[in-house]
C-alpha atoms as a PDB file:
ATOM      1  CA  ASP A   1       5.164  -6.550 -10.235  1.00  0.00           C
ATOM      2  CA  LEU A   2       1.855  -5.086  -8.936  1.00  0.00           C
ATOM      3  CA  LEU A   3       0.869  -8.492  -7.490  1.00  0.00           C
ATOM      4  CA  GLY A   4       4.357  -9.193  -5.990  1.00  0.00           C
ATOM      5  CA  CYS A   5       4.337  -5.548  -4.552  1.00  0.00           C
ATOM      6  CA  VAL A   6       1.100  -5.913  -2.729  1.00  0.00           C
ATOM      7  CA  GLU A   7       1.519  -9.644  -1.707  1.00  0.00           C
ATOM      8  CA  SER A   8       4.894  -9.171  -0.464  1.00  0.00           C
ATOM      9  CA  LYS A   9       6.567  -5.991  -1.310  1.00  0.00           C
ATOM     10  CA  ASN A  10       8.465  -8.089  -3.798  1.00  0.00           C
ATOM     11  CA  ASP A  11      10.361  -9.961  -1.247  1.00  0.00           C
ATOM     12  CA  TYR A  12      10.982 -13.588  -2.386  1.00  0.00           C
ATOM     13  CA  THR A  13      12.016 -14.326   1.265  1.00  0.00           C
ATOM     14  CA  ALA A  14       8.541 -12.951   2.882  1.00  0.00           C
ATOM     15  CA  TYR A  15       6.264 -15.226   4.800  1.00  0.00           C
ATOM     16  CA  ASN A  16       3.520 -14.713   7.210  1.00  0.00           C
ATOM     17  CA  GLN A  17       2.271 -16.828  10.460  1.00  0.00           C
ATOM     18  CA  ILE A  18      -1.307 -17.140  11.347  1.00  0.00           C
ATOM     19  CA  PHE A  19      -2.256 -17.146  14.718  1.00  0.00           C
ATOM     20  CA  HIS A  20      -5.905 -18.087  15.916  1.00  0.00           C
ATOM     21  CA  SER A  21      -5.849 -16.787  19.693  1.00  0.00           C
ATOM     22  CA  PRO A  22      -6.436 -13.983  19.106  1.00  0.00           C
ATOM     23  CA  GLU A  23      -6.767 -14.269  15.432  1.00  0.00           C
ATOM     24  CA  ARG A  24      -3.918 -12.300  13.738  1.00  0.00           C
ATOM     25  CA  SER A  25      -1.301 -12.649  11.015  1.00  0.00           C
ATOM     26  CA  VAL A  26       2.496 -11.672  11.294  1.00  0.00           C
ATOM     27  CA  ALA A  27       4.361 -10.778   8.400  1.00  0.00           C
ATOM     28  CA  HIS A  28       8.185 -11.589   8.091  1.00  0.00           C
ATOM     29  CA  TYR A  29      10.682 -10.115   5.382  1.00  0.00           C
ATOM     30  CA  ASP A  30      14.308 -10.398   4.607  1.00  0.00           C
ATOM     31  CA  THR A  31      14.377 -14.200   6.081  1.00  0.00           C
ATOM     32  CA  ASN A  32      16.379 -17.216   5.095  1.00  0.00           C
ATOM     33  CA  LEU A  33      13.208 -18.643   2.940  1.00  0.00           C
ATOM     34  CA  THR A  34      14.972 -19.102  -0.391  1.00  0.00           C
ATOM     35  CA  SER A  35      17.914 -20.970   1.165  1.00  0.00           C
ATOM     36  CA  MET A  36      15.343 -23.642   2.004  1.00  0.00           C
ATOM     37  CA  THR A  37      14.038 -26.632   0.070  1.00  0.00           C
ATOM     38  CA  LEU A  38      10.574 -26.921  -1.302  1.00  0.00           C
ATOM     39  CA  GLN A  39      10.217 -29.759   1.380  1.00  0.00           C
ATOM     40  CA  GLN A  40      11.418 -27.768   4.220  1.00  0.00           C
ATOM     41  CA  VAL A  41       8.793 -24.932   3.407  1.00  0.00           C
ATOM     42  CA  MET A  42       6.013 -27.383   3.070  1.00  0.00           C
ATOM     43  CA  ASP A  43       6.988 -29.059   6.221  1.00  0.00           C
ATOM     44  CA  ALA A  44       6.956 -25.795   7.884  1.00  0.00           C
ATOM     45  CA  GLN A  45       3.601 -24.626   6.363  1.00  0.00           C
ATOM     46  CA  ALA A  46       2.098 -27.851   7.775  1.00  0.00           C
ATOM     47  CA  ASN A  47       2.136 -25.743  11.094  1.00  0.00           C
ATOM     48  CA  PRO A  48       0.550 -22.326  10.292  1.00  0.00           C
ATOM     49  CA  GLY A  49       1.768 -21.058  13.579  1.00  0.00           C
ATOM     50  CA  VAL A  50       5.449 -21.390  12.083  1.00  0.00           C
ATOM     51  CA  MET A  51       4.969 -20.309   8.375  1.00  0.00           C
ATOM     52  CA  PHE A  52       1.738 -19.852   6.272  1.00  0.00           C
ATOM     53  CA  ALA A  53       1.905 -17.806   2.942  1.00  0.00           C
ATOM     54  CA  THR A  54       5.375 -17.837   1.477  1.00  0.00           C
ATOM     55  CA  GLY A  55       7.386 -16.048  -0.790  1.00  0.00           C
ATOM     56  CA  ARG A  56       7.078 -12.881  -3.315  1.00  0.00           C
ATOM     57  CA  PHE A  57       3.427 -14.607  -4.234  1.00  0.00           C
ATOM     58  CA  GLN A  58       2.487 -15.508  -0.866  1.00  0.00           C
ATOM     59  CA  LEU A  59       1.639 -19.165  -1.860  1.00  0.00           C
ATOM     60  CA  ILE A  60      -0.571 -20.739   0.951  1.00  0.00           C
ATOM     61  CA  PRO A  61       0.157 -24.567   1.763  1.00  0.00           C
ATOM     62  CA  ALA A  62      -2.394 -26.249  -0.589  1.00  0.00           C
ATOM     63  CA  THR A  63      -0.922 -24.267  -3.586  1.00  0.00           C
ATOM     64  CA  LEU A  64       2.541 -24.859  -2.940  1.00  0.00           C
ATOM     65  CA  GLN A  65       1.799 -28.714  -2.906  1.00  0.00           C
ATOM     66  CA  ALA A  66      -0.468 -28.711  -5.680  1.00  0.00           C
ATOM     67  CA  ALA A  67       2.321 -26.816  -7.679  1.00  0.00           C
ATOM     68  CA  VAL A  68       5.050 -29.397  -6.622  1.00  0.00           C
ATOM     69  CA  HIS A  69       2.743 -32.136  -7.682  1.00  0.00           C
ATOM     70  CA  GLN A  70       1.465 -30.884 -10.905  1.00  0.00           C
ATOM     71  CA  LEU A  71       4.851 -29.842 -11.999  1.00  0.00           C
ATOM     72  CA  HIS A  72       6.647 -32.900 -10.896  1.00  0.00           C
ATOM     73  CA  LEU A  73       9.029 -30.596  -8.825  1.00  0.00           C
ATOM     74  CA  ASP A  74      11.966 -32.143  -6.621  1.00  0.00           C
ATOM     75  CA  SER A  75      11.243 -31.261  -3.282  1.00  0.00           C
ATOM     76  CA  THR A  76      14.910 -31.055  -2.481  1.00  0.00           C
ATOM     77  CA  ALA A  77      15.075 -28.043  -4.764  1.00  0.00           C
ATOM     78  CA  LEU A  78      15.421 -24.642  -3.454  1.00  0.00           C
ATOM     79  CA  TYR A  79      12.380 -22.584  -3.072  1.00  0.00           C
ATOM     80  CA  ASP A  80      14.386 -19.441  -4.425  1.00  0.00           C
ATOM     81  CA  SER A  81      13.182 -16.798  -6.809  1.00  0.00           C
ATOM     82  CA  SER A  82      13.601 -18.786  -9.646  1.00  0.00           C
ATOM     83  CA  MET A  83      11.392 -21.690  -8.377  1.00  0.00           C
ATOM     84  CA  GLN A  84       8.866 -19.130  -7.100  1.00  0.00           C
ATOM     85  CA  ASP A  85       8.715 -17.447 -10.702  1.00  0.00           C
ATOM     86  CA  ARG A  86       8.489 -20.955 -12.223  1.00  0.00           C
ATOM     87  CA  ILE A  87       5.612 -22.141  -9.908  1.00  0.00           C
ATOM     88  CA  PHE A  88       4.086 -18.689 -10.808  1.00  0.00           C
ATOM     89  CA  ASN A  89       4.393 -18.776 -14.523  1.00  0.00           C
ATOM     90  CA  ASP A  90       4.130 -22.487 -15.025  1.00  0.00           C
ATOM     91  CA  TYR A  91       1.274 -23.354 -12.475  1.00  0.00           C
ATOM     92  CA  LEU A  92      -0.539 -20.611 -10.951  1.00  0.00           C
ATOM     93  CA  ILE A  93      -1.201 -18.666 -14.311  1.00  0.00           C
ATOM     94  CA  LYS A  94      -1.207 -21.577 -16.883  1.00  0.00           C
ATOM     95  CA  ILE A  95      -2.665 -24.514 -14.587  1.00  0.00           C
ATOM     96  CA  LYS A  96      -4.524 -23.413 -11.524  1.00  0.00           C
ATOM     97  CA  ARG A  97      -5.755 -19.943 -13.054  1.00  0.00           C
ATOM     98  CA  PRO A  98      -5.370 -20.161 -16.836  1.00  0.00           C
ATOM     99  CA  GLU A  99      -7.578 -17.104 -17.529  1.00  0.00           C
ATOM    100  CA  PHE A 100      -4.702 -15.330 -16.665  1.00  0.00           C
ATOM    101  CA  ILE A 101      -2.292 -16.777 -19.520  1.00  0.00           C
ATOM    102  CA  ASN A 102      -5.512 -16.820 -21.800  1.00  0.00           C
ATOM    103  CA  TYR A 103      -5.673 -13.002 -21.583  1.00  0.00           C
ATOM    104  CA  LEU A 104      -2.083 -12.287 -21.544  1.00  0.00           C
ATOM    105  CA  GLU A 105      -1.397 -14.627 -24.567  1.00  0.00           C
ATOM    106  CA  GLY A 106      -4.486 -15.053 -26.255  1.00  0.00           C
ATOM    107  CA  ASP A 107      -7.820 -13.736 -26.784  1.00  0.00           C
ATOM    108  CA  GLY A 108      -8.951 -14.264 -23.031  1.00  0.00           C
ATOM    109  CA  ASN A 109     -11.113 -11.828 -21.217  1.00  0.00           C
ATOM    110  CA  VAL A 110      -9.499  -9.152 -19.104  1.00  0.00           C
ATOM    111  CA  GLU A 111     -12.543  -9.418 -16.710  1.00  0.00           C
ATOM    112  CA  ASP A 112     -12.257 -13.054 -16.459  1.00  0.00           C
ATOM    113  CA  ALA A 113      -8.512 -12.654 -15.799  1.00  0.00           C
ATOM    114  CA  ILE A 114      -8.926 -10.145 -12.859  1.00  0.00           C
ATOM    115  CA  TYR A 115     -11.665 -12.431 -11.511  1.00  0.00           C
ATOM    116  CA  ALA A 116      -9.230 -15.108 -11.142  1.00  0.00           C
ATOM    117  CA  TRP A 117      -6.642 -12.846  -9.712  1.00  0.00           C
ATOM    118  CA  ALA A 118      -9.303 -12.134  -7.010  1.00  0.00           C
ATOM    119  CA  LYS A 119      -9.797 -15.975  -6.229  1.00  0.00           C
ATOM    120  CA  GLU A 120      -6.058 -16.348  -6.133  1.00  0.00           C
ATOM    121  CA  PHE A 121      -4.954 -13.537  -3.918  1.00  0.00           C
ATOM    122  CA  ALA A 122      -6.824 -12.163  -1.063  1.00  0.00           C
ATOM    123  CA  SER A 123      -5.128  -8.957  -1.656  1.00  0.00           C
ATOM    124  CA  ALA A 124      -7.278  -8.344  -5.212  1.00  0.00           C
ATOM    125  CA  GLY A 125     -10.770  -6.808  -5.289  1.00  0.00           C
ATOM    126  CA  VAL A 126     -13.572  -7.940  -7.570  1.00  0.00           C
ATOM    127  CA  ARG A 127     -16.036  -5.809  -9.520  1.00  0.00           C
ATOM    128  CA  LYS A 128     -19.500  -4.836  -8.055  1.00  0.00           C
ATOM    129  CA  GLY A 129     -22.001  -7.721  -8.313  1.00  0.00           C
ATOM    130  CA  LYS A 130     -19.723 -10.676  -8.792  1.00  0.00           C
ATOM    131  CA  GLN A 131     -20.196 -13.723  -6.676  1.00  0.00           C
ATOM    132  CA  ILE A 132     -17.476 -14.004  -3.923  1.00  0.00           C
ATOM    133  CA  SER A 133     -16.720 -16.783  -1.123  1.00  0.00           C
ATOM    134  CA  LYS A 134     -19.490 -18.464   0.859  1.00  0.00           C
ATOM    135  CA  GLY A 135     -22.096 -17.293  -1.994  1.00  0.00           C
ATOM    136  CA  ARG A 136     -21.976 -13.800  -1.391  1.00  0.00           C
ATOM    137  CA  ILE A 137     -22.138 -11.065  -3.621  1.00  0.00           C
ATOM    138  CA  SER A 138     -19.817  -7.992  -3.934  1.00  0.00           C
ATOM    139  CA  ALA A 139     -21.548  -4.977  -2.857  1.00  0.00           C
ATOM    140  CA  ASN A 140     -18.798  -2.709  -4.584  1.00  0.00           C
ATOM    141  CA  ASP A 141     -15.969  -2.556  -6.756  1.00  0.00           C
ATOM    142  CA  GLY A 142     -12.923  -3.465  -4.790  1.00  0.00           C
ATOM    143  CA  HIS A 143     -14.306  -5.894  -2.440  1.00  0.00           C
ATOM    144  CA  GLY A 144     -12.102  -8.888  -2.171  1.00  0.00           C
ATOM    145  CA  TYR A 145     -13.313 -12.494  -2.938  1.00  0.00           C
ATOM    146  CA  TYR A 146     -12.154 -13.642   0.555  1.00  0.00           C
ATOM    147  CA  ASP A 147     -12.865 -10.380   2.658  1.00  0.00           C
ATOM    148  CA  GLY A 148     -14.487 -11.436   5.870  1.00  0.00           C
ATOM    149  CA  ASP A 149     -12.891 -15.147   5.692  1.00  0.00           C
ATOM    150  CA  GLY A 150     -10.432 -14.729   8.723  1.00  0.00           C
ATOM    151  CA  LEU A 151      -8.053 -11.802   8.443  1.00  0.00           C
ATOM    152  CA  ASN A 152      -8.424 -11.211   4.399  1.00  0.00           C
ATOM    153  CA  LYS A 153      -8.925  -7.737   2.971  1.00  0.00           C
ATOM    154  CA  ALA A 154      -8.401  -6.604  -0.487  1.00  0.00           C
ATOM    155  CA  SER A 155      -6.297  -3.718  -1.331  1.00  0.00           C
ATOM    156  CA  LEU A 156      -5.998  -3.797  -5.005  1.00  0.00           C
ATOM    157  CA  LEU A 157      -9.031  -2.155  -7.052  1.00  0.00           C
ATOM    158  CA  PRO A 158     -10.221  -3.993 -10.406  1.00  0.00           C
ATOM    159  CA  ASP A 159      -9.369  -1.164 -12.552  1.00  0.00           C
ATOM    160  CA  ASP A 160      -5.545  -1.050 -11.217  1.00  0.00           C
ATOM    161  CA  MET A 161      -5.690  -4.742 -11.820  1.00  0.00           C
ATOM    162  CA  VAL A 162      -6.730  -4.372 -15.696  1.00  0.00           C
ATOM    163  CA  ARG A 163      -4.497  -1.559 -16.174  1.00  0.00           C
ATOM    164  CA  ALA A 164      -1.214  -3.985 -14.862  1.00  0.00           C
ATOM    165  CA  LEU A 165      -2.663  -6.786 -16.950  1.00  0.00           C
ATOM    166  CA  GLU A 166      -3.029  -4.482 -20.078  1.00  0.00           C
ATOM    167  CA  GLU A 167       0.648  -3.335 -19.451  1.00  0.00           C
ATOM    168  CA  SER A 168       1.865  -6.850 -19.286  1.00  0.00           C
ATOM    169  CA  LYS A 169       0.226  -8.097 -22.447  1.00  0.00           C
END
């Protein structure tokens, strides 16, 4: 719930638009997103000025496309709450970022899981000394993997992420 809360206020209908001149993001809530098909969402995401990150987990275009391909999803299926949860559970934490499921269901390391979390979600911070995007090193706890790349800024601290994962285990 922590992830969904931070990414979208737990709103399956949330999406954002990215504008480049000036660079800014506009969030939208309580929309008709869950009545759209996967294909309609992917078509809208093809133009970031229309739609970029979508749904409860704020899936970016490449992630949604990869999930549809990897899970062999019917592109005419609705992008509703059950589909978004399926993509999260069956693709994001099992295929794309297996460190999540390795920790939650196996003997994986919680630090590896939160680092994978930060690599997937710009809202999540990393530990001091961890490598972040563009070969940089985090100067302190809570610096996001993507901080400074466009509009990204982390708001979740690593200790809060650890607690959330431990409570989910």
